[in-house]
C-alpha cells in the first residue's frame, strides 16, 4: 500500500504497528542490504538550518544506499533569506520533481508548515524543542536489538527533558510500544506536568538506577535554555551525572544510551565509555538503517512481508 503525501513529523504520525514494521524493516536492511533501486529516480532534498553531524550524515548515507537522487540545500543556498515563504519553497521544490524533503530547523513547527504546502513527503530531522522522530526510532531499534522486545522495558530519560526534542519523541515511541518511562531531572528542567499515564517524574537518580533496563542521558542544551532556569553545572553533575559510582547501581544487563553530542564531565564521566552496556556507537549505526526504512516506507509503503525486495 503506497503512502501518497504521508510525512514523518513526529512518531504520533505512525501507529504502533507501523513503528514496529519500520523497526523490523531496519533490522532486515542491517542483515541483508537492499538493492540500490528502492528509491530509484526519487529526488530527496536535505534542507538543514541547524548544524548536524550524526543526523545529516546518517540521512545522506541512507538516501544513497536506497538509490535516491540526493540534493543538499544549505540554508544560504535557498531563497528563504530573500523573503520567499516556506510555502513558496515547498511549491518550487515540488515543481522540480522533489518527492522527499528532510529538514532540520531551530523553530518548533517548521516541518509542519513545510508539509502543509509540499506535495510529497517531509521528514522531520529535528525542529526546535519539539520533535526528533528518527532519533527516537533508532533508539527504539537499539533497545529492541538489545532486549528482543520493547514492551515492558523500564527506561529512564535523564537530564534536560524540558528542552529535549529527543525526549519528546522517545516518550511517544516508548509508550506506543509498551515501555515504562521514568523522567529524571531537576525541577527547572523537568516540570511535574510532564508526568502522564505510563510516564512518571522522579528527582532521585540514585534511587531509580537499580530498577531500570536502560538509561538514556540527555545533554543540557544551553543554546535553548534561558539563563534563569539553567542550573549550576556543578549541582547538576553532583545529582545527575552518570559516573563510576552510579554505574555500579545499575542492574547487570542494563544499558546506557545517549543521542549525542555528549558533554564529558556534565552528564557523564569517562567511566561510562568503558561500561560494557554503553550503546552510543550502536545507536549511531542503527540510524542509517532506520532512516533507510523510513524513506522506503514513506515512498513505497508497507510490503507484504518484511524483507520483501523490489
C-alpha atoms as a PDB file:
ATOM      1  CA  UNK A   1       0.000   0.000   0.000  1.00  0.00           C
ATOM      2  CA  UNK A   2       1.563   3.301  -1.063  1.00  0.00           C
ATOM      3  CA  UNK A   3       1.620   6.347   1.185  1.00  0.00           C
ATOM      4  CA  UNK A   4       0.965   9.374  -1.061  1.00  0.00           C
ATOM      5  CA  UNK A   5       1.750  12.625   0.677  1.00  0.00           C
ATOM      6  CA  UNK A   6       2.463  10.993   4.006  1.00  0.00           C
ATOM      7  CA  UNK A   7       5.139  12.557   6.228  1.00  0.00           C
ATOM      8  CA  UNK A   8       7.042  11.808   9.424  1.00  0.00           C
ATOM      9  CA  UNK A   9       6.790  14.908  11.589  1.00  0.00           C
ATOM     10  CA  UNK A  10       6.730  13.057  14.898  1.00  0.00           C
ATOM     11  CA  UNK A  11       6.116   9.484  15.965  1.00  0.00           C
ATOM     12  CA  UNK A  12       2.424  10.052  16.581  1.00  0.00           C
ATOM     13  CA  UNK A  13       2.129  10.200  12.784  1.00  0.00           C
ATOM     14  CA  UNK A  14       2.640   6.424  12.835  1.00  0.00           C
ATOM     15  CA  UNK A  15       0.619   3.722  14.534  1.00  0.00           C
ATOM     16  CA  UNK A  16       2.308   1.293  16.896  1.00  0.00           C
ATOM     17  CA  UNK A  17       2.170  -1.400  14.208  1.00  0.00           C
ATOM     18  CA  UNK A  18       3.783   0.955  11.671  1.00  0.00           C
ATOM     19  CA  UNK A  19       6.579   1.781  14.116  1.00  0.00           C
ATOM     20  CA  UNK A  20       7.097  -1.934  14.674  1.00  0.00           C
ATOM     21  CA  UNK A  21       7.162  -2.509  10.914  1.00  0.00           C
ATOM     22  CA  UNK A  22       9.814   0.173  10.380  1.00  0.00           C
ATOM     23  CA  UNK A  23      11.985  -1.357  13.100  1.00  0.00           C
ATOM     24  CA  UNK A  24      11.602  -4.765  11.504  1.00  0.00           C
ATOM     25  CA  UNK A  25      12.428  -3.351   8.097  1.00  0.00           C
ATOM     26  CA  UNK A  26      15.502  -1.615   9.508  1.00  0.00           C
ATOM     27  CA  UNK A  27      16.721  -4.894  11.002  1.00  0.00           C
ATOM     28  CA  UNK A  28      16.205  -6.586   7.648  1.00  0.00           C
ATOM     29  CA  UNK A  29      18.275  -3.896   5.930  1.00  0.00           C
ATOM     30  CA  UNK A  30      21.008  -4.368   8.534  1.00  0.00           C
ATOM     31  CA  UNK A  31      21.145  -8.125   7.962  1.00  0.00           C
ATOM     32  CA  UNK A  32      20.635  -8.088   4.192  1.00  0.00           C
ATOM     33  CA  UNK A  33      21.386  -4.824   2.350  1.00  0.00           C
ATOM     34  CA  UNK A  34      18.561  -3.968  -0.072  1.00  0.00           C
ATOM     35  CA  UNK A  35      19.029  -3.397  -3.788  1.00  0.00           C
ATOM     36  CA  UNK A  36      20.105   0.142  -4.541  1.00  0.00           C
ATOM     37  CA  UNK A  37      16.970   0.950  -6.508  1.00  0.00           C
ATOM     38  CA  UNK A  38      14.316   1.189  -3.792  1.00  0.00           C
ATOM     39  CA  UNK A  39      14.144   4.951  -4.381  1.00  0.00           C
ATOM     40  CA  UNK A  40      15.413   4.995  -7.957  1.00  0.00           C
ATOM     41  CA  UNK A  41      14.562   8.294  -9.689  1.00  0.00           C
ATOM     42  CA  UNK A  42      13.259   9.717  -6.375  1.00  0.00           C
ATOM     43  CA  UNK A  43      14.762  13.123  -5.613  1.00  0.00           C
ATOM     44  CA  UNK A  44      15.428  13.821  -1.927  1.00  0.00           C
ATOM     45  CA  UNK A  45      16.441  17.287  -0.704  1.00  0.00           C
ATOM     46  CA  UNK A  46      18.246  17.697   2.615  1.00  0.00           C
ATOM     47  CA  UNK A  47      17.299  21.121   3.959  1.00  0.00           C
ATOM     48  CA  UNK A  48      19.174  21.632   7.244  1.00  0.00           C
ATOM     49  CA  UNK A  49      19.071  25.005   9.022  1.00  0.00           C
ATOM     50  CA  UNK A  50      20.968  23.700  12.074  1.00  0.00           C
ATOM     51  CA  UNK A  51      24.415  22.189  12.336  1.00  0.00           C
ATOM     52  CA  UNK A  52      24.388  18.416  12.412  1.00  0.00           C
ATOM     53  CA  UNK A  53      26.941  15.634  12.266  1.00  0.00           C
ATOM     54  CA  UNK A  54      25.149  12.379  13.065  1.00  0.00           C
ATOM     55  CA  UNK A  55      21.708  13.119  11.631  1.00  0.00           C
ATOM     56  CA  UNK A  56      22.804  14.806   8.406  1.00  0.00           C
ATOM     57  CA  UNK A  57      25.464  12.244   7.571  1.00  0.00           C
ATOM     58  CA  UNK A  58      23.204   9.348   8.510  1.00  0.00           C
ATOM     59  CA  UNK A  59      20.409  10.580   6.239  1.00  0.00           C
ATOM     60  CA  UNK A  60      22.841  11.182   3.363  1.00  0.00           C
ATOM     61  CA  UNK A  61      24.224   7.645   3.650  1.00  0.00           C
ATOM     62  CA  UNK A  62      20.738   6.155   3.953  1.00  0.00           C
ATOM     63  CA  UNK A  63      19.469   8.046   0.897  1.00  0.00           C
ATOM     64  CA  UNK A  64      22.424   6.882  -1.166  1.00  0.00           C
ATOM     65  CA  UNK A  65      22.018   3.259  -0.099  1.00  0.00           C
ATOM     66  CA  UNK A  66      18.392   3.142  -1.254  1.00  0.00           C
ATOM     67  CA  UNK A  67      19.309   4.730  -4.591  1.00  0.00           C
ATOM     68  CA  UNK A  68      17.739   8.175  -4.256  1.00  0.00           C
ATOM     69  CA  UNK A  69      18.910  11.261  -6.123  1.00  0.00           C
ATOM     70  CA  UNK A  70      20.254  13.360  -3.257  1.00  0.00           C
ATOM     71  CA  UNK A  71      20.462  17.153  -3.207  1.00  0.00           C
ATOM     72  CA  UNK A  72      21.962  19.076  -0.295  1.00  0.00           C
ATOM     73  CA  UNK A  73      20.430  22.528   0.011  1.00  0.00           C
ATOM     74  CA  UNK A  74      22.309  24.603   2.601  1.00  0.00           C
ATOM     75  CA  UNK A  75      20.222  27.436   4.135  1.00  0.00           C
ATOM     76  CA  UNK A  76      22.325  30.073   2.403  1.00  0.00           C
ATOM     77  CA  UNK A  77      21.505  28.477  -0.943  1.00  0.00           C
ATOM     78  CA  UNK A  78      17.746  28.709  -0.506  1.00  0.00           C
ATOM     79  CA  UNK A  79      15.669  31.817  -1.172  1.00  0.00           C
ATOM     80  CA  UNK A  80      14.059  31.847   2.279  1.00  0.00           C
ATOM     81  CA  UNK A  81      16.516  34.562   3.251  1.00  0.00           C
ATOM     82  CA  UNK A  82      15.313  36.676   0.320  1.00  0.00           C
ATOM     83  CA  UNK A  83      11.736  36.806   1.515  1.00  0.00           C
ATOM     84  CA  UNK A  84      10.492  33.591  -0.046  1.00  0.00           C
ATOM     85  CA  UNK A  85       7.933  31.919   2.199  1.00  0.00           C
ATOM     86  CA  UNK A  86       8.040  28.320   3.340  1.00  0.00           C
ATOM     87  CA  UNK A  87       5.056  27.652   1.082  1.00  0.00           C
ATOM     88  CA  UNK A  88       6.896  29.171  -1.887  1.00  0.00           C
ATOM     89  CA  UNK A  89       9.893  26.938  -1.225  1.00  0.00           C
ATOM     90  CA  UNK A  90       7.699  23.837  -0.941  1.00  0.00           C
ATOM     91  CA  UNK A  91       5.857  24.606  -4.172  1.00  0.00           C
ATOM     92  CA  UNK A  92       9.115  25.332  -6.003  1.00  0.00           C
ATOM     93  CA  UNK A  93      10.796  22.113  -4.921  1.00  0.00           C
ATOM     94  CA  UNK A  94       7.726  20.034  -5.775  1.00  0.00           C
ATOM     95  CA  UNK A  95       7.576  21.633  -9.228  1.00  0.00           C
ATOM     96  CA  UNK A  96      11.164  20.487  -9.821  1.00  0.00           C
ATOM     97  CA  UNK A  97      10.176  16.907  -9.074  1.00  0.00           C
ATOM     98  CA  UNK A  98      11.411  16.684  -5.488  1.00  0.00           C
ATOM     99  CA  UNK A  99       9.467  13.986  -3.673  1.00  0.00           C
ATOM    100  CA  UNK A 100      11.061  13.994  -0.219  1.00  0.00           C
ATOM    101  CA  UNK A 101      12.352  16.852   1.933  1.00  0.00           C
ATOM    102  CA  UNK A 102      14.400  16.040   5.027  1.00  0.00           C
ATOM    103  CA  UNK A 103      14.574  19.151   7.181  1.00  0.00           C
ATOM    104  CA  UNK A 104      16.081  20.341  10.449  1.00  0.00           C
ATOM    105  CA  UNK A 105      15.226  23.764  11.829  1.00  0.00           C
ATOM    106  CA  UNK A 106      15.657  25.640  15.142  1.00  0.00           C
ATOM    107  CA  UNK A 107      11.988  26.690  15.040  1.00  0.00           C
ATOM    108  CA  UNK A 108       9.473  24.260  16.502  1.00  0.00           C
ATOM    109  CA  UNK A 109       6.769  23.524  13.942  1.00  0.00           C
ATOM    110  CA  UNK A 110       8.779  24.382  10.833  1.00  0.00           C
ATOM    111  CA  UNK A 111       8.409  20.904   9.252  1.00  0.00           C
ATOM    112  CA  UNK A 112       4.653  21.045   9.789  1.00  0.00           C
ATOM    113  CA  UNK A 113       4.345  24.308   7.892  1.00  0.00           C
ATOM    114  CA  UNK A 114       6.542  22.915   5.146  1.00  0.00           C
ATOM    115  CA  UNK A 115       4.396  19.780   4.876  1.00  0.00           C
ATOM    116  CA  UNK A 116       1.203  21.844   4.546  1.00  0.00           C
ATOM    117  CA  UNK A 117       2.377  23.157   1.161  1.00  0.00           C
ATOM    118  CA  UNK A 118       4.553  20.320  -0.110  1.00  0.00           C
ATOM    119  CA  UNK A 119       3.073  17.700  -2.410  1.00  0.00           C
ATOM    120  CA  UNK A 120       5.374  14.959  -1.207  1.00  0.00           C
ATOM    121  CA  UNK A 121       6.922  13.555   1.957  1.00  0.00           C
ATOM    122  CA  UNK A 122       8.518  15.661   4.691  1.00  0.00           C
ATOM    123  CA  UNK A 123      10.779  14.015   7.262  1.00  0.00           C
ATOM    124  CA  UNK A 124      11.466  15.967  10.427  1.00  0.00           C
ATOM    125  CA  UNK A 125      15.166  15.699  11.301  1.00  0.00           C
ATOM    126  CA  UNK A 126      14.672  17.869  14.395  1.00  0.00           C
ATOM    127  CA  UNK A 127      12.638  21.032  14.995  1.00  0.00           C
ATOM    128  CA  UNK A 128      13.441  23.297  17.915  1.00  0.00           C
ATOM    129  CA  UNK A 129      12.390  21.798  21.233  1.00  0.00           C
ATOM    130  CA  UNK A 130       9.599  19.809  19.634  1.00  0.00           C
ATOM    131  CA  UNK A 131      10.485  16.515  17.972  1.00  0.00           C
ATOM    132  CA  UNK A 132      13.183  14.278  16.521  1.00  0.00           C
ATOM    133  CA  UNK A 133      11.322  11.166  15.375  1.00  0.00           C
ATOM    134  CA  UNK A 134      14.088   9.301  13.537  1.00  0.00           C
ATOM    135  CA  UNK A 135      16.352   9.635  16.579  1.00  0.00           C
ATOM    136  CA  UNK A 136      13.612   8.025  18.646  1.00  0.00           C
ATOM    137  CA  UNK A 137      13.267   5.234  16.089  1.00  0.00           C
ATOM    138  CA  UNK A 138      16.965   4.421  16.193  1.00  0.00           C
ATOM    139  CA  UNK A 139      16.818   4.453  19.991  1.00  0.00           C
ATOM    140  CA  UNK A 140      13.900   2.018  19.846  1.00  0.00           C
ATOM    141  CA  UNK A 141      15.843  -0.211  17.474  1.00  0.00           C
ATOM    142  CA  UNK A 142      18.801  -0.178  19.867  1.00  0.00           C
ATOM    143  CA  UNK A 143      16.557  -1.271  22.743  1.00  0.00           C
ATOM    144  CA  UNK A 144      14.844  -3.926  20.669  1.00  0.00           C
ATOM    145  CA  UNK A 145      18.159  -5.317  19.426  1.00  0.00           C
ATOM    146  CA  UNK A 146      19.483  -5.466  22.977  1.00  0.00           C
ATOM    147  CA  UNK A 147      16.476  -6.958  24.744  1.00  0.00           C
ATOM    148  CA  UNK A 148      14.460  -8.590  21.958  1.00  0.00           C
ATOM    149  CA  UNK A 149      11.436  -6.507  22.899  1.00  0.00           C
ATOM    150  CA  UNK A 150      10.320  -3.053  23.994  1.00  0.00           C
ATOM    151  CA  UNK A 151       7.045  -3.843  25.753  1.00  0.00           C
ATOM    152  CA  UNK A 152       7.593  -3.972  29.486  1.00  0.00           C
ATOM    153  CA  UNK A 153      11.078  -2.428  29.419  1.00  0.00           C
ATOM    154  CA  UNK A 154      11.810   0.163  32.093  1.00  0.00           C
ATOM    155  CA  UNK A 155      13.571   3.127  30.522  1.00  0.00           C
ATOM    156  CA  UNK A 156      14.833   6.239  32.330  1.00  0.00           C
ATOM    157  CA  UNK A 157      15.403   9.509  30.449  1.00  0.00           C
ATOM    158  CA  UNK A 158      17.742  11.675  32.486  1.00  0.00           C
ATOM    159  CA  UNK A 159      18.559  15.369  32.279  1.00  0.00           C
ATOM    160  CA  UNK A 160      17.165  18.302  30.348  1.00  0.00           C
ATOM    161  CA  UNK A 161      13.767  16.858  29.448  1.00  0.00           C
ATOM    162  CA  UNK A 162      12.032  20.224  29.082  1.00  0.00           C
ATOM    163  CA  UNK A 163      14.129  21.391  26.130  1.00  0.00           C
ATOM    164  CA  UNK A 164      14.725  17.983  24.532  1.00  0.00           C
ATOM    165  CA  UNK A 165      13.051  17.104  21.227  1.00  0.00           C
ATOM    166  CA  UNK A 166      14.687  13.686  21.571  1.00  0.00           C
ATOM    167  CA  UNK A 167      12.885  13.096  24.869  1.00  0.00           C
ATOM    168  CA  UNK A 168       9.500  14.101  23.467  1.00  0.00           C
ATOM    169  CA  UNK A 169       9.712  11.748  20.507  1.00  0.00           C
ATOM    170  CA  UNK A 170      11.133   8.928  22.605  1.00  0.00           C
ATOM    171  CA  UNK A 171       8.285   9.205  25.083  1.00  0.00           C
ATOM    172  CA  UNK A 172       5.801   8.789  22.212  1.00  0.00           C
ATOM    173  CA  UNK A 173       7.608   5.801  20.747  1.00  0.00           C
ATOM    174  CA  UNK A 174       8.342   4.046  24.019  1.00  0.00           C
ATOM    175  CA  UNK A 175       4.774   4.381  25.207  1.00  0.00           C
ATOM    176  CA  UNK A 176       3.343   3.285  21.842  1.00  0.00           C
ATOM    177  CA  UNK A 177       5.317   0.044  22.081  1.00  0.00           C
ATOM    178  CA  UNK A 178       4.552  -0.585  25.734  1.00  0.00           C
ATOM    179  CA  UNK A 179       7.660   0.505  27.657  1.00  0.00           C
ATOM    180  CA  UNK A 180       7.519   2.116  31.085  1.00  0.00           C
ATOM    181  CA  UNK A 181       9.117   5.564  31.084  1.00  0.00           C
ATOM    182  CA  UNK A 182      10.680   7.409  34.006  1.00  0.00           C
ATOM    183  CA  UNK A 183      11.842  11.004  33.567  1.00  0.00           C
ATOM    184  CA  UNK A 184      14.595  12.131  35.940  1.00  0.00           C
ATOM    185  CA  UNK A 185      15.926  15.644  36.387  1.00  0.00           C
ATOM    186  CA  UNK A 186      15.782  18.886  38.394  1.00  0.00           C
ATOM    187  CA  UNK A 187      12.561  20.905  38.633  1.00  0.00           C
ATOM    188  CA  UNK A 188      13.806  23.639  36.294  1.00  0.00           C
ATOM    189  CA  UNK A 189      14.482  21.126  33.509  1.00  0.00           C
ATOM    190  CA  UNK A 190      11.645  18.716  34.252  1.00  0.00           C
ATOM    191  CA  UNK A 191       8.264  20.115  35.340  1.00  0.00           C
ATOM    192  CA  UNK A 192       5.926  17.823  37.260  1.00  0.00           C
ATOM    193  CA  UNK A 193       3.362  18.442  34.493  1.00  0.00           C
ATOM    194  CA  UNK A 194       5.324  16.172  32.144  1.00  0.00           C
ATOM    195  CA  UNK A 195       4.045  13.133  34.050  1.00  0.00           C
ATOM    196  CA  UNK A 196       1.210  11.225  32.406  1.00  0.00           C
ATOM    197  CA  UNK A 197      -0.076   7.686  32.048  1.00  0.00           C
ATOM    198  CA  UNK A 198       2.922   5.391  31.775  1.00  0.00           C
ATOM    199  CA  UNK A 199       5.343   8.287  32.327  1.00  0.00           C
ATOM    200  CA  UNK A 200       6.437   9.228  35.831  1.00  0.00           C
ATOM    201  CA  UNK A 201       8.652  12.052  37.038  1.00  0.00           C
ATOM    202  CA  UNK A 202      11.376  11.402  39.615  1.00  0.00           C
ATOM    203  CA  UNK A 203      14.128  13.556  41.133  1.00  0.00           C
ATOM    204  CA  UNK A 204      16.420  10.982  42.756  1.00  0.00           C
ATOM    205  CA  UNK A 205      18.594   9.330  40.100  1.00  0.00           C
ATOM    206  CA  UNK A 206      20.341   7.038  42.567  1.00  0.00           C
ATOM    207  CA  UNK A 207      17.016   5.565  43.653  1.00  0.00           C
ATOM    208  CA  UNK A 208      15.962   4.875  40.056  1.00  0.00           C
ATOM    209  CA  UNK A 209      19.113   3.295  38.621  1.00  0.00           C
ATOM    210  CA  UNK A 210      18.800  -0.195  40.196  1.00  0.00           C
ATOM    211  CA  UNK A 211      15.311  -0.609  38.743  1.00  0.00           C
ATOM    212  CA  UNK A 212      15.702   0.243  35.047  1.00  0.00           C
ATOM    213  CA  UNK A 213      16.742  -1.708  31.969  1.00  0.00           C
ATOM    214  CA  UNK A 214      18.099   1.315  30.115  1.00  0.00           C
ATOM    215  CA  UNK A 215      19.248   4.834  30.935  1.00  0.00           C
ATOM    216  CA  UNK A 216      19.159   7.494  28.233  1.00  0.00           C
ATOM    217  CA  UNK A 217      21.245  10.523  29.150  1.00  0.00           C
ATOM    218  CA  UNK A 218      20.328  13.884  27.630  1.00  0.00           C
ATOM    219  CA  UNK A 219      22.570  16.865  27.038  1.00  0.00           C
ATOM    220  CA  UNK A 220      21.901  20.143  28.823  1.00  0.00           C
ATOM    221  CA  UNK A 221      21.007  22.339  25.855  1.00  0.00           C
ATOM    222  CA  UNK A 222      22.494  25.677  26.830  1.00  0.00           C
ATOM    223  CA  UNK A 223      21.521  27.122  23.451  1.00  0.00           C
ATOM    224  CA  UNK A 224      17.813  26.569  24.215  1.00  0.00           C
ATOM    225  CA  UNK A 225      17.752  27.360  27.931  1.00  0.00           C
ATOM    226  CA  UNK A 226      17.101  30.757  29.469  1.00  0.00           C
ATOM    227  CA  UNK A 227      19.841  31.595  31.951  1.00  0.00           C
ATOM    228  CA  UNK A 228      17.212  31.917  34.689  1.00  0.00           C
ATOM    229  CA  UNK A 229      16.462  28.180  34.575  1.00  0.00           C
ATOM    230  CA  UNK A 230      19.957  26.888  33.851  1.00  0.00           C
ATOM    231  CA  UNK A 231      21.111  25.026  36.939  1.00  0.00           C
ATOM    232  CA  UNK A 232      24.641  25.206  38.241  1.00  0.00           C
ATOM    233  CA  UNK A 233      26.599  22.640  36.241  1.00  0.00           C
ATOM    234  CA  UNK A 234      28.347  21.547  39.420  1.00  0.00           C
ATOM    235  CA  UNK A 235      25.000  20.962  41.137  1.00  0.00           C
ATOM    236  CA  UNK A 236      23.669  19.188  38.077  1.00  0.00           C
ATOM    237  CA  UNK A 237      26.699  16.895  37.856  1.00  0.00           C
ATOM    238  CA  UNK A 238      26.526  16.118  41.563  1.00  0.00           C
ATOM    239  CA  UNK A 239      22.900  14.961  41.282  1.00  0.00           C
ATOM    240  CA  UNK A 240      22.500  13.622  37.745  1.00  0.00           C
ATOM    241  CA  UNK A 241      25.879  12.820  36.192  1.00  0.00           C
ATOM    242  CA  UNK A 242      26.478   9.159  35.449  1.00  0.00           C
ATOM    243  CA  UNK A 243      29.858   8.154  36.890  1.00  0.00           C
ATOM    244  CA  UNK A 244      31.593   5.034  38.192  1.00  0.00           C
ATOM    245  CA  UNK A 245      29.690   5.060  41.464  1.00  0.00           C
ATOM    246  CA  UNK A 246      26.311   5.341  39.778  1.00  0.00           C
ATOM    247  CA  UNK A 247      27.196   2.754  37.125  1.00  0.00           C
ATOM    248  CA  UNK A 248      27.612   0.286  39.982  1.00  0.00           C
ATOM    249  CA  UNK A 249      23.962   0.840  40.913  1.00  0.00           C
ATOM    250  CA  UNK A 250      22.711  -0.425  37.551  1.00  0.00           C
ATOM    251  CA  UNK A 251      21.458  -3.964  37.022  1.00  0.00           C
ATOM    252  CA  UNK A 252      23.973  -6.314  35.410  1.00  0.00           C
ATOM    253  CA  UNK A 253      22.329  -6.280  31.971  1.00  0.00           C
ATOM    254  CA  UNK A 254      21.306  -2.603  31.905  1.00  0.00           C
ATOM    255  CA  UNK A 255      22.467  -0.378  29.059  1.00  0.00           C
ATOM    256  CA  UNK A 256      23.330   3.317  28.796  1.00  0.00           C
ATOM    257  CA  UNK A 257      22.384   5.428  25.787  1.00  0.00           C
ATOM    258  CA  UNK A 258      22.952   8.991  24.615  1.00  0.00           C
ATOM    259  CA  UNK A 259      21.716  10.728  21.440  1.00  0.00           C
ATOM    260  CA  UNK A 260      24.907  12.809  21.205  1.00  0.00           C
ATOM    261  CA  UNK A 261      26.721  15.042  21.311  1.00  0.00           C
ATOM    262  CA  UNK A 262      27.623  14.334  24.923  1.00  0.00           C
ATOM    263  CA  UNK A 263      29.344  16.651  27.371  1.00  0.00           C
ATOM    264  CA  UNK A 264      32.115  14.920  29.288  1.00  0.00           C
ATOM    265  CA  UNK A 265      32.038  15.882  32.925  1.00  0.00           C
ATOM    266  CA  UNK A 266      28.453  17.168  32.843  1.00  0.00           C
ATOM    267  CA  UNK A 267      26.036  14.311  32.099  1.00  0.00           C
ATOM    268  CA  UNK A 268      28.671  11.578  32.139  1.00  0.00           C
ATOM    269  CA  UNK A 269      32.272  10.823  33.028  1.00  0.00           C
ATOM    270  CA  UNK A 270      34.906   8.861  31.119  1.00  0.00           C
ATOM    271  CA  UNK A 271      33.896   5.781  33.147  1.00  0.00           C
ATOM    272  CA  UNK A 272      30.772   5.420  31.016  1.00  0.00           C
ATOM    273  CA  UNK A 273      32.807   4.808  27.862  1.00  0.00           C
ATOM    274  CA  UNK A 274      34.341   1.685  29.412  1.00  0.00           C
ATOM    275  CA  UNK A 275      30.996   0.401  30.722  1.00  0.00           C
ATOM    276  CA  UNK A 276      30.018  -2.880  28.969  1.00  0.00           C
ATOM    277  CA  UNK A 277      26.489  -1.587  28.434  1.00  0.00           C
ATOM    278  CA  UNK A 278      27.470   1.692  26.699  1.00  0.00           C
ATOM    279  CA  UNK A 279      25.500   1.676  23.430  1.00  0.00           C
ATOM    280  CA  UNK A 280      26.221   5.036  21.794  1.00  0.00           C
ATOM    281  CA  UNK A 281      28.041   3.517  18.785  1.00  0.00           C
ATOM    282  CA  UNK A 282      25.198   1.063  18.193  1.00  0.00           C
ATOM    283  CA  UNK A 283      22.695   3.912  18.228  1.00  0.00           C
ATOM    284  CA  UNK A 284      24.662   5.794  15.582  1.00  0.00           C
ATOM    285  CA  UNK A 285      24.962   2.678  13.431  1.00  0.00           C
ATOM    286  CA  UNK A 286      21.244   1.923  13.708  1.00  0.00           C
ATOM    287  CA  UNK A 287      20.430   5.433  12.494  1.00  0.00           C
ATOM    288  CA  UNK A 288      21.401   4.625   8.908  1.00  0.00           C
ATOM    289  CA  UNK A 289      19.156   1.548   8.720  1.00  0.00           C
ATOM    290  CA  UNK A 290      16.216   3.237  10.432  1.00  0.00           C
ATOM    291  CA  UNK A 291      16.379   6.166   8.010  1.00  0.00           C
ATOM    292  CA  UNK A 292      16.569   3.777   5.060  1.00  0.00           C
ATOM    293  CA  UNK A 293      13.444   2.071   6.391  1.00  0.00           C
ATOM    294  CA  UNK A 294      11.591   5.381   6.887  1.00  0.00           C
ATOM    295  CA  UNK A 295      12.389   6.534   3.343  1.00  0.00           C
ATOM    296  CA  UNK A 296      11.278   3.202   1.905  1.00  0.00           C
ATOM    297  CA  UNK A 297       8.080   3.189   3.968  1.00  0.00           C
ATOM    298  CA  UNK A 298       7.012   6.715   3.052  1.00  0.00           C
ATOM    299  CA  UNK A 299       7.782   6.401  -0.663  1.00  0.00           C
ATOM    300  CA  UNK A 300       6.940   2.753  -1.314  1.00  0.00           C
ATOM    301  CA  UNK A 301       4.577   1.839   1.508  1.00  0.00           C
ATOM    302  CA  UNK A 302       4.483  -1.279   3.638  1.00  0.00           C
ATOM    303  CA  UNK A 303       5.471  -4.523   1.952  1.00  0.00           C
ATOM    304  CA  UNK A 304       3.518  -7.747   2.170  1.00  0.00           C
ATOM    305  CA  UNK A 305       6.343  -9.213   4.214  1.00  0.00           C
ATOM    306  CA  UNK A 306       9.361  -7.746   5.887  1.00  0.00           C
ATOM    307  CA  UNK A 307      12.434  -8.417   3.800  1.00  0.00           C
ATOM    308  CA  UNK A 308      10.483  -8.336   0.536  1.00  0.00           C
ATOM    309  CA  UNK A 309      12.514  -6.944  -2.325  1.00  0.00           C
ATOM    310  CA  UNK A 310      11.678  -4.820  -5.320  1.00  0.00           C
END
